C-alpha atoms as a PDB file:
ATOM      1  CA  MET A   1      46.687  11.591  53.117  1.00  0.00           C
ATOM      2  CA  SER A   2      45.910  10.242  49.552  1.00  0.00           C
ATOM      3  CA  SER A   3      43.833  12.701  47.394  1.00  0.00           C
ATOM      4  CA  PRO A   4      40.364  11.520  46.250  1.00  0.00           C
ATOM      5  CA  VAL A   5      40.391   9.877  42.611  1.00  0.00           C
ATOM      6  CA  ALA A   6      38.565  12.234  40.159  1.00  0.00           C
ATOM      7  CA  ALA A   7      35.727  10.024  38.640  1.00  0.00           C
ATOM      8  CA  ALA A   8      36.296   9.643  35.219  1.00  0.00           C
ATOM      9  CA  PRO A   9      34.068  11.569  32.547  1.00  0.00           C
ATOM     10  CA  VAL A  10      31.137   9.336  30.964  1.00  0.00           C
ATOM     11  CA  PRO A  11      32.283   9.567  27.119  1.00  0.00           C
ATOM     12  CA  GLU A  12      29.593  11.176  24.884  1.00  0.00           C
ATOM     13  CA  SER A  13      28.092   9.032  22.317  1.00  0.00           C
ATOM     14  CA  ALA A  14      29.702   9.748  18.913  1.00  0.00           C
ATOM     15  CA  PRO A  15      27.237  11.575  16.551  1.00  0.00           C
ATOM     16  CA  LEU A  16      25.493   9.281  13.991  1.00  0.00           C
ATOM     17  CA  SER A  17      25.709  10.054  10.100  1.00  0.00           C
ATOM     18  CA  GLU A  18      22.689  10.364   8.189  1.00  0.00           C
ATOM     19  CA  GLY A  19      22.937   6.371   7.006  1.00  0.00           C
ATOM     20  CA  ALA A  20      23.367   5.315  10.340  1.00  0.00           C
ATOM     21  CA  ARG A  21      20.260   6.948  11.851  1.00  0.00           C
ATOM     22  CA  ILE A  22      18.679   5.442   9.166  1.00  0.00           C
ATOM     23  CA  VAL A  23      19.874   1.860   9.667  1.00  0.00           C
ATOM     24  CA  ASN A  24      19.193   2.346  13.563  1.00  0.00           C
ATOM     25  CA  THR A  25      16.197   3.067  13.260  1.00  0.00           C
ATOM     26  CA  TYR A  26      15.320  -0.406  12.158  1.00  0.00           C
ATOM     27  CA  ILE A  27      17.805  -2.034  14.618  1.00  0.00           C
ATOM     28  CA  ALA A  28      18.716   0.113  17.429  1.00  0.00           C
ATOM     29  CA  PRO A  29      15.986   3.069  17.464  1.00  0.00           C
ATOM     30  CA  THR A  30      16.926   4.253  20.917  1.00  0.00           C
ATOM     31  CA  LYS A  31      20.024   5.462  19.172  1.00  0.00           C
ATOM     32  CA  THR A  32      18.409   7.565  16.295  1.00  0.00           C
ATOM     33  CA  PHE A  33      16.316   8.993  18.681  1.00  0.00           C
ATOM     34  CA  THR A  34      18.558   9.935  20.982  1.00  0.00           C
ATOM     35  CA  ASP A  35      20.773  11.620  18.891  1.00  0.00           C
ATOM     36  CA  LEU A  36      17.626  14.039  17.418  1.00  0.00           C
ATOM     37  CA  GLN A  37      18.851  15.820  20.541  1.00  0.00           C
ATOM     38  CA  ARG A  38      21.943  16.799  18.718  1.00  0.00           C
ATOM     39  CA  ASN A  39      20.835  17.316  15.074  1.00  0.00           C
ATOM     40  CA  THR A  40      16.811  17.425  14.043  1.00  0.00           C
ATOM     41  CA  ALA A  41      17.818  16.720   9.945  1.00  0.00           C
ATOM     42  CA  TRP A  42      14.643  15.151   8.631  1.00  0.00           C
ATOM     43  CA  TRP A  43      15.503  14.743   4.890  1.00  0.00           C
ATOM     44  CA  GLY A  44      17.126  11.429   4.877  1.00  0.00           C
ATOM     45  CA  PRO A  45      14.151   9.393   5.979  1.00  0.00           C
ATOM     46  CA  TRP A  46      11.840  11.578   3.816  1.00  0.00           C
ATOM     47  CA  LEU A  47      13.761  11.039   0.639  1.00  0.00           C
ATOM     48  CA  LEU A  48      14.049   7.372   0.886  1.00  0.00           C
ATOM     49  CA  ILE A  49      10.221   7.504   1.352  1.00  0.00           C
ATOM     50  CA  ALA A  50       9.715   9.495  -1.371  1.00  0.00           C
ATOM     51  CA  ILE A  51      12.063   7.480  -3.715  1.00  0.00           C
ATOM     52  CA  VAL A  52      10.161   4.042  -2.646  1.00  0.00           C
ATOM     53  CA  SER A  53       6.802   5.996  -3.101  1.00  0.00           C
ATOM     54  CA  LEU A  54       7.818   7.081  -6.282  1.00  0.00           C
ATOM     55  CA  GLY A  55       9.247   3.571  -7.541  1.00  0.00           C
ATOM     56  CA  PHE A  56       6.183   1.907  -6.419  1.00  0.00           C
ATOM     57  CA  VAL A  57       3.984   4.515  -8.530  1.00  0.00           C
ATOM     58  CA  VAL A  58       6.212   3.928 -11.654  1.00  0.00           C
ATOM     59  CA  VAL A  59       5.946  -0.093 -11.373  1.00  0.00           C
ATOM     60  CA  GLN A  60       2.168   0.246 -10.425  1.00  0.00           C
ATOM     61  CA  LYS A  61       1.971   1.725 -14.296  1.00  0.00           C
ATOM     62  CA  GLN A  62       1.509  -2.029 -15.300  1.00  0.00           C
ATOM     63  CA  ILE A  63      -1.404  -1.856 -13.619  1.00  0.00           C
ATOM     64  CA  GLY A  64      -2.753   1.211 -15.553  1.00  0.00           C
ATOM     65  CA  PHE A  65      -4.081   4.347 -13.469  1.00  0.00           C
ATOM     66  CA  GLU A  66      -7.561   3.721 -15.224  1.00  0.00           C
ATOM     67  CA  GLN A  67      -7.831   0.197 -14.244  1.00  0.00           C
ATOM     68  CA  ILE A  68      -6.469   1.353 -10.534  1.00  0.00           C
ATOM     69  CA  ALA A  69      -9.308   4.009 -10.545  1.00  0.00           C
ATOM     70  CA  LYS A  70     -11.933   1.443 -11.762  1.00  0.00           C
ATOM     71  CA  ASN A  71     -10.816  -0.851  -8.966  1.00  0.00           C
ATOM     72  CA  GLU A  72     -11.373   2.122  -6.364  1.00  0.00           C
ATOM     73  CA  ILE A  73     -14.995   2.221  -7.687  1.00  0.00           C
ATOM     74  CA  ALA A  74     -15.447  -0.982  -7.352  1.00  0.00           C
ATOM     75  CA  LYS A  75     -15.187  -0.559  -4.074  1.00  0.00           C
ATOM     76  CA  SER A  76     -18.536   0.963  -3.417  1.00  0.00           C
ATOM     77  CA  PRO A  77     -21.533  -1.115  -4.692  1.00  0.00           C
ATOM     78  CA  LYS A  78     -23.395   1.741  -4.953  1.00  0.00           C
ATOM     79  CA  THR A  79     -21.028   3.974  -7.095  1.00  0.00           C
ATOM     80  CA  ALA A  80     -20.335   1.087  -9.251  1.00  0.00           C
ATOM     81  CA  GLU A  81     -24.046   0.042  -9.947  1.00  0.00           C
ATOM     82  CA  ARG A  82     -24.270   4.146 -11.023  1.00  0.00           C
ATOM     83  CA  PHE A  83     -21.275   3.632 -13.202  1.00  0.00           C
ATOM     84  CA  GLU A  84     -22.620   0.639 -15.455  1.00  0.00           C
ATOM     85  CA  LYS A  85     -25.917   2.294 -15.774  1.00  0.00           C
ATOM     86  CA  LEU A  86     -23.702   4.922 -17.893  1.00  0.00           C
ATOM     87  CA  THR A  87     -23.628   4.909 -21.478  1.00  0.00           C
ATOM     88  CA  PRO A  88     -19.873   4.167 -22.255  1.00  0.00           C
ATOM     89  CA  GLU A  89     -19.393   8.010 -23.599  1.00  0.00           C
ATOM     90  CA  GLN A  90     -20.603   8.972 -20.563  1.00  0.00           C
ATOM     91  CA  ARG A  91     -18.172   6.638 -18.497  1.00  0.00           C
ATOM     92  CA  ALA A  92     -15.262   7.840 -20.675  1.00  0.00           C
ATOM     93  CA  GLN A  93     -16.310  11.090 -19.936  1.00  0.00           C
ATOM     94  CA  GLN A  94     -16.480  10.556 -16.033  1.00  0.00           C
ATOM     95  CA  MET A  95     -13.113   8.435 -15.826  1.00  0.00           C
ATOM     96  CA  GLY A  96     -11.024  11.004 -17.582  1.00  0.00           C
ATOM     97  CA  PRO A  97     -11.192  13.474 -14.455  1.00  0.00           C
ATOM     98  CA  VAL A  98     -10.942  10.300 -12.215  1.00  0.00           C
ATOM     99  CA  VAL A  99      -7.929   8.906 -13.848  1.00  0.00           C
ATOM    100  CA  THR A 100      -6.122  12.779 -14.182  1.00  0.00           C
ATOM    101  CA  ILE A 101      -6.593  13.185 -10.408  1.00  0.00           C
ATOM    102  CA  THR A 102      -5.653   9.152  -9.377  1.00  0.00           C
ATOM    103  CA  ALA A 103      -2.224   9.764 -11.505  1.00  0.00           C
ATOM    104  CA  VAL A 104      -1.593  13.450 -10.166  1.00  0.00           C
ATOM    105  CA  PHE A 105      -1.747  12.567  -6.290  1.00  0.00           C
ATOM    106  CA  SER A 106       0.411   9.144  -7.128  1.00  0.00           C
ATOM    107  CA  TYR A 107       3.491  11.322  -8.398  1.00  0.00           C
ATOM    108  CA  ALA A 108       2.819  13.861  -6.049  1.00  0.00           C
ATOM    109  CA  SER A 109       2.957  11.368  -3.357  1.00  0.00           C
ATOM    110  CA  PRO A 110       6.554  12.999  -2.161  1.00  0.00           C
ATOM    111  CA  VAL A 111       4.622  16.441  -1.170  1.00  0.00           C
ATOM    112  CA  LEU A 112       1.708  14.497   0.320  1.00  0.00           C
ATOM    113  CA  VAL A 113       4.201  12.724   2.595  1.00  0.00           C
ATOM    114  CA  LEU A 114       5.811  15.757   3.620  1.00  0.00           C
ATOM    115  CA  VAL A 115       2.086  17.347   4.314  1.00  0.00           C
ATOM    116  CA  ILE A 116       0.711  14.098   6.275  1.00  0.00           C
ATOM    117  CA  PHE A 117       4.292  14.550   8.302  1.00  0.00           C
ATOM    118  CA  LEU A 118       3.642  17.933   9.485  1.00  0.00           C
ATOM    119  CA  ILE A 119       0.349  17.507  10.412  1.00  0.00           C
ATOM    120  CA  MET A 120       1.479  14.236  12.432  1.00  0.00           C
ATOM    121  CA  ALA A 121       4.007  16.343  14.065  1.00  0.00           C
ATOM    122  CA  ALA A 122       1.945  19.389  14.930  1.00  0.00           C
ATOM    123  CA  VAL A 123      -0.556  17.138  16.545  1.00  0.00           C
ATOM    124  CA  LEU A 124       2.042  15.009  18.852  1.00  0.00           C
ATOM    125  CA  MET A 125       3.791  17.779  19.541  1.00  0.00           C
ATOM    126  CA  ALA A 126       0.782  19.482  20.956  1.00  0.00           C
ATOM    127  CA  THR A 127      -0.383  16.401  22.741  1.00  0.00           C
ATOM    128  CA  PHE A 128       3.058  15.419  24.631  1.00  0.00           C
ATOM    129  CA  ASN A 129       3.715  18.842  25.210  1.00  0.00           C
ATOM    130  CA  PHE A 130       0.065  20.333  26.637  1.00  0.00           C
ATOM    131  CA  GLY A 131      -0.898  16.613  27.777  1.00  0.00           C
ATOM    132  CA  ALA A 132       1.850  14.937  29.374  1.00  0.00           C
ATOM    133  CA  GLY A 133       4.599  17.911  29.590  1.00  0.00           C
ATOM    134  CA  ALA A 134       7.279  16.811  27.299  1.00  0.00           C
ATOM    135  CA  ALA A 135       8.999  20.192  25.749  1.00  0.00           C
ATOM    136  CA  VAL A 136       9.620  18.840  22.235  1.00  0.00           C
ATOM    137  CA  PRO A 137       9.866  21.453  20.111  1.00  0.00           C
ATOM    138  CA  PHE A 138       8.230  20.992  16.858  1.00  0.00           C
ATOM    139  CA  LYS A 139      11.787  20.669  14.617  1.00  0.00           C
ATOM    140  CA  ARG A 140      12.626  17.460  16.844  1.00  0.00           C
ATOM    141  CA  ALA A 141       9.151  16.148  16.630  1.00  0.00           C
ATOM    142  CA  PHE A 142       8.911  16.256  13.126  1.00  0.00           C
ATOM    143  CA  ALA A 143      12.258  14.615  12.725  1.00  0.00           C
ATOM    144  CA  ILE A 144      10.643  11.899  15.166  1.00  0.00           C
ATOM    145  CA  VAL A 145       7.921  11.412  13.034  1.00  0.00           C
ATOM    146  CA  SER A 146      10.423  11.263   9.930  1.00  0.00           C
ATOM    147  CA  TYR A 147      12.302   8.613  11.231  1.00  0.00           C
ATOM    148  CA  GLY A 148       9.338   6.850  12.858  1.00  0.00           C
ATOM    149  CA  SER A 149       7.711   6.363   9.808  1.00  0.00           C
ATOM    150  CA  LEU A 150      10.752   4.353   8.009  1.00  0.00           C
ATOM    151  CA  PRO A 151       8.614   1.160   8.321  1.00  0.00           C
ATOM    152  CA  GLY A 152       6.727   2.289   5.164  1.00  0.00           C
ATOM    153  CA  VAL A 153      10.075   1.862   2.894  1.00  0.00           C
ATOM    154  CA  ILE A 154       9.883  -1.990   3.631  1.00  0.00           C
ATOM    155  CA  HIS A 155       6.127  -2.022   2.862  1.00  0.00           C
ATOM    156  CA  GLY A 156       6.626  -0.054  -0.448  1.00  0.00           C
ATOM    157  CA  LEU A 157       9.645  -2.053  -1.528  1.00  0.00           C
ATOM    158  CA  LEU A 158       7.309  -5.143  -0.631  1.00  0.00           C
ATOM    159  CA  GLY A 159       4.611  -3.591  -2.520  1.00  0.00           C
ATOM    160  CA  ILE A 160       6.946  -3.185  -6.030  1.00  0.00           C
ATOM    161  CA  VAL A 161       7.967  -7.132  -5.443  1.00  0.00           C
ATOM    162  CA  SER A 162       4.435  -7.856  -5.525  1.00  0.00           C
ATOM    163  CA  LEU A 163       3.469  -5.963  -8.739  1.00  0.00           C
ATOM    164  CA  LEU A 164       6.851  -7.259 -10.133  1.00  0.00           C
ATOM    165  CA  ALA A 165       5.652 -10.563  -9.310  1.00  0.00           C
ATOM    166  CA  GLY A 166       2.467 -10.228 -11.236  1.00  0.00           C
ATOM    167  CA  VAL A 167      -0.844  -9.276  -9.522  1.00  0.00           C
ATOM    168  CA  GLU A 168      -4.317  -9.845 -10.605  1.00  0.00           C
ATOM    169  CA  LYS A 169      -5.096  -6.275 -12.336  1.00  0.00           C
ATOM    170  CA  GLU A 170      -9.102  -6.456 -11.407  1.00  0.00           C
ATOM    171  CA  GLY A 171      -8.244  -7.220  -7.811  1.00  0.00           C
ATOM    172  CA  PHE A 172      -5.093  -4.837  -7.304  1.00  0.00           C
ATOM    173  CA  ASN A 173      -5.917  -2.791  -4.088  1.00  0.00           C
ATOM    174  CA  VAL A 174      -3.544   0.320  -4.126  1.00  0.00           C
ATOM    175  CA  GLN A 175      -4.441   1.347  -0.719  1.00  0.00           C
ATOM    176  CA  ASN A 176      -3.675  -2.100   0.918  1.00  0.00           C
ATOM    177  CA  PRO A 177      -1.324  -3.950  -1.626  1.00  0.00           C
ATOM    178  CA  VAL A 178       0.646  -6.023   0.784  1.00  0.00           C
ATOM    179  CA  ALA A 179      -0.736  -8.791   2.876  1.00  0.00           C
ATOM    180  CA  SER A 180       0.658  -7.224   6.057  1.00  0.00           C
ATOM    181  CA  ASN A 181      -2.974  -7.132   7.681  1.00  0.00           C
ATOM    182  CA  PRO A 182      -6.103  -8.963   7.896  1.00  0.00           C
ATOM    183  CA  ALA A 183      -8.123  -6.391   5.667  1.00  0.00           C
ATOM    184  CA  TYR A 184      -6.154  -7.711   2.603  1.00  0.00           C
ATOM    185  CA  PHE A 185      -8.089 -11.093   2.657  1.00  0.00           C
ATOM    186  CA  MET A 186     -11.213  -9.494   3.137  1.00  0.00           C
ATOM    187  CA  ASP A 187     -13.805  -8.526   0.300  1.00  0.00           C
ATOM    188  CA  ALA A 188     -13.588  -4.430   0.210  1.00  0.00           C
ATOM    189  CA  THR A 189     -17.062  -4.388  -1.161  1.00  0.00           C
ATOM    190  CA  GLY A 190     -18.069  -5.663   2.439  1.00  0.00           C
ATOM    191  CA  SER A 191     -18.781  -4.057   5.871  1.00  0.00           C
ATOM    192  CA  LYS A 192     -16.521  -0.736   5.581  1.00  0.00           C
ATOM    193  CA  PHE A 193     -16.228  -0.318   9.003  1.00  0.00           C
ATOM    194  CA  ALA A 194     -15.316  -4.076   9.667  1.00  0.00           C
ATOM    195  CA  TYR A 195     -12.594  -3.584   6.617  1.00  0.00           C
ATOM    196  CA  GLY A 196     -11.326  -0.170   8.107  1.00  0.00           C
ATOM    197  CA  MET A 197     -10.721  -1.435  11.653  1.00  0.00           C
ATOM    198  CA  ALA A 198      -9.068  -4.828   9.937  1.00  0.00           C
ATOM    199  CA  SER A 199      -6.519  -2.691   8.321  1.00  0.00           C
ATOM    200  CA  ALA A 200      -5.625  -0.992  11.427  1.00  0.00           C
ATOM    201  CA  LEU A 201      -4.061  -4.055  12.574  1.00  0.00           C
ATOM    202  CA  ASP A 202      -0.950  -3.871  10.398  1.00  0.00           C
ATOM    203  CA  LEU A 203       2.416  -5.065  10.714  1.00  0.00           C
ATOM    204  CA  PHE A 204       3.919  -1.688   9.382  1.00  0.00           C
ATOM    205  CA  SER A 205       1.343   0.604  11.273  1.00  0.00           C
ATOM    206  CA  LEU A 206       2.001  -0.700  14.580  1.00  0.00           C
ATOM    207  CA  TRP A 207       5.509  -0.738  13.902  1.00  0.00           C
ATOM    208  CA  THR A 208       5.310   3.061  13.558  1.00  0.00           C
ATOM    209  CA  VAL A 209       3.348   3.399  16.540  1.00  0.00           C
ATOM    210  CA  VAL A 210       6.051   1.892  18.436  1.00  0.00           C
ATOM    211  CA  LEU A 211       8.881   3.965  17.139  1.00  0.00           C
ATOM    212  CA  LEU A 212       6.772   7.139  17.637  1.00  0.00           C
ATOM    213  CA  GLY A 213       6.327   6.111  21.459  1.00  0.00           C
ATOM    214  CA  MET A 214       9.925   5.461  21.618  1.00  0.00           C
ATOM    215  CA  GLY A 215      11.219   8.449  19.510  1.00  0.00           C
ATOM    216  CA  PHE A 216       9.092  10.952  22.036  1.00  0.00           C
ATOM    217  CA  ALA A 217       9.736   9.033  25.084  1.00  0.00           C
ATOM    218  CA  CYS A 218      13.932   9.423  24.379  1.00  0.00           C
ATOM    219  CA  ASN A 219      13.267  12.949  24.046  1.00  0.00           C
ATOM    220  CA  SER A 220      11.092  13.658  26.965  1.00  0.00           C
ATOM    221  CA  LYS A 221      10.701  12.543  30.624  1.00  0.00           C
ATOM    222  CA  VAL A 222       7.621  10.952  29.452  1.00  0.00           C
ATOM    223  CA  LYS A 223       7.563   6.939  29.913  1.00  0.00           C
ATOM    224  CA  ARG A 224       7.894   4.794  27.047  1.00  0.00           C
ATOM    225  CA  SER A 225       4.869   2.610  27.850  1.00  0.00           C
ATOM    226  CA  THR A 226       3.046   6.407  28.375  1.00  0.00           C
ATOM    227  CA  ALA A 227       4.392   7.693  25.031  1.00  0.00           C
ATOM    228  CA  MET A 228       3.293   4.276  23.023  1.00  0.00           C
ATOM    229  CA  GLY A 229      -0.310   4.400  24.532  1.00  0.00           C
ATOM    230  CA  ILE A 230      -0.878   8.288  23.711  1.00  0.00           C
ATOM    231  CA  VAL A 231       0.506   7.384  19.801  1.00  0.00           C
ATOM    232  CA  LEU A 232      -1.584   4.285  19.776  1.00  0.00           C
ATOM    233  CA  GLY A 233      -4.858   6.158  21.056  1.00  0.00           C
ATOM    234  CA  TRP A 234      -4.358   8.598  18.496  1.00  0.00           C
ATOM    235  CA  PHE A 235      -3.654   5.835  15.633  1.00  0.00           C
ATOM    236  CA  PHE A 236      -6.972   3.791  16.578  1.00  0.00           C
ATOM    237  CA  PHE A 237      -9.348   7.012  16.765  1.00  0.00           C
ATOM    238  CA  ILE A 238      -8.034   7.957  13.548  1.00  0.00           C
ATOM    239  CA  LYS A 239      -8.796   4.447  12.055  1.00  0.00           C
ATOM    240  CA  LEU A 240     -11.917   4.487  14.088  1.00  0.00           C
ATOM    241  CA  ALA A 241     -13.367   7.738  12.859  1.00  0.00           C
ATOM    242  CA  GLY A 242     -12.086   7.101   9.066  1.00  0.00           C
ATOM    243  CA  ALA A 243     -13.819   3.588   9.447  1.00  0.00           C
ATOM    244  CA  GLY A 244     -17.239   5.141  10.798  1.00  0.00           C
ATOM    245  CA  TRP A 245     -17.328   7.686   8.029  1.00  0.00           C
ATOM    246  CA  ALA A 246     -16.503   4.968   5.438  1.00  0.00           C
ATOM    247  CA  ALA A 247     -19.446   3.307   6.745  1.00  0.00           C
ATOM    248  CA  LEU A 248     -21.700   6.215   6.843  1.00  0.00           C
ATOM    249  CA  MET A 249     -20.977   6.715   3.211  1.00  0.00           C
ATOM    250  CA  SER A 250     -21.117   3.481   1.962  1.00  0.00           C
END
């Protein structure tokens, strides 16, 4: 009698380098998110996002922080009206701190991104673990958020290209510099609620939602559709709350 033939072992997938994980996030995200089970390093995507963010800040200096601050004030007709009633000396006195805060927050964008990642990871980890029984550790959730946010790099690069191509200084919207959502074509001084909800239909934001859903699905037994639904629910809840708050404050 012939002895039974042993089944050939299934070869494990080769570990991915940091560069490969970043590239695969765009072209084969499942490979990247599966590799996070081996290594939860998150610094690669954060560093890339930080570099692009600072590059955008440097390029937007051609607009000027003072003009950016003025454009933000102009979004609120009530605030703009009160500002216009001030004397030139009073305007200069009030604009000084606003311009300083705008510059500080702009250059601190890498740190702000890190804080946002921490909050997102904590909220999503708690939602998936307690709501869907995912059992994803925080380090891996943080890595999922970091890689899932990589579409922001393309968004930032397009913003840089837009600035270099030349934009109208008075019409520049630092919060929405790229025509990737319907709000870009809307009047920012109009309905704050409509503007906020239109900005939710952003190509890069929805791309990030899809990647985050895939990331948590690849690292748990949660179905991909369920995972995407959870992330999408949080995304639209935050957008709805933000749009409602902006409408109340306008």
